[in-house]
Amino acid sequence: MPKMKTHSGAKKRIRVTGSGKLMRQRAGKRHLNEHKPTKRTRRLSNDVQLSPADTKTARRLLGL
């Protein structure tokens, strides 16, 4: 049986913490930030935990 390959798109977007939680970046901070309030861009900077609905799928894509 060949080794399982990690999904390239998933590994670029999701990181695993030491305790095993899956973290992702918030959407909406890549471009057109000039007109967005600084308060909003600061809020979007923080990573958030992946939703429970997506966690099972993401774990499979990452090979965890």
Protein backbone atom coordinates (compact mmCIF):
# COMPACT_ATOMS: atom_id res chain seq x y z
CA MET A 1 0.00 0.00 0.00
CA PRO A 2 1.52 3.38 -0.97
CA LYS A 3 1.92 6.21 1.49
CA MET A 4 -0.96 8.66 1.88
CA LYS A 5 -0.29 12.05 0.34
CA THR A 6 -1.08 15.27 2.20
CA HIS A 7 -3.49 17.56 0.35
CA SER A 8 -1.34 20.48 -0.86
CA GLY A 9 -4.12 23.07 -0.58
CA ALA A 10 -5.02 22.01 2.95
CA LYS A 11 -1.45 22.07 4.26
CA LYS A 12 -1.05 25.67 3.03
CA ARG A 13 -4.25 26.84 4.75
CA ILE A 14 -4.52 24.88 7.98
CA ARG A 15 -1.98 24.51 10.78
CA VAL A 16 -2.06 22.10 13.68
CA THR A 17 -1.32 23.35 17.21
CA GLY A 18 0.64 21.41 19.79
CA SER A 19 -2.58 20.28 21.47
CA GLY A 20 -3.95 19.07 18.11
CA LYS A 21 -6.40 21.87 17.32
CA LEU A 22 -6.71 22.98 13.69
CA MET A 23 -6.28 26.70 13.08
CA ARG A 24 -7.08 28.78 10.00
CA GLN A 25 -6.80 32.42 8.94
CA ARG A 26 -9.84 34.65 8.67
CA ALA A 27 -11.08 35.61 5.22
CA GLY A 28 -11.11 39.18 3.91
CA LYS A 29 -7.62 40.50 4.64
CA ARG A 30 -5.75 39.70 1.42
CA HIS A 31 -6.49 42.83 -0.61
CA LEU A 32 -8.57 46.05 -0.72
CA ASN A 33 -7.58 46.78 2.87
CA GLU A 34 -7.14 50.51 2.40
CA HIS A 35 -10.81 51.33 2.87
CA LYS A 36 -11.43 48.79 5.64
CA PRO A 37 -11.32 50.09 9.21
CA THR A 38 -8.09 49.33 11.10
CA LYS A 39 -10.24 47.76 13.80
CA ARG A 40 -11.52 45.21 11.29
CA THR A 41 -8.12 44.41 9.76
CA ARG A 42 -6.70 43.84 13.27
CA ARG A 43 -9.56 41.50 14.09
CA LEU A 44 -9.00 39.57 10.86
CA SER A 45 -5.30 39.12 11.71
CA ASN A 46 -5.98 36.59 14.46
CA ASP A 47 -6.18 32.89 13.65
CA VAL A 48 -9.35 31.05 14.62
CA GLN A 49 -10.13 27.41 15.30
CA LEU A 50 -11.59 25.42 12.44
CA SER A 51 -15.31 24.74 12.84
CA PRO A 52 -16.26 21.27 14.11
CA ALA A 53 -18.12 20.59 10.84
CA ASP A 54 -14.90 21.04 8.81
CA THR A 55 -12.48 19.43 11.26
CA LYS A 56 -13.16 15.81 10.26
CA THR A 57 -12.64 16.55 6.55
CA ALA A 58 -9.53 18.64 7.20
CA ARG A 59 -7.93 15.94 9.34
CA ARG A 60 -8.41 13.44 6.53
CA LEU A 61 -6.89 15.82 3.96
CA LEU A 62 -3.88 16.43 6.20
CA GLY A 63 -3.44 12.74 6.89
CA LEU A 64 -3.90 13.03 10.66
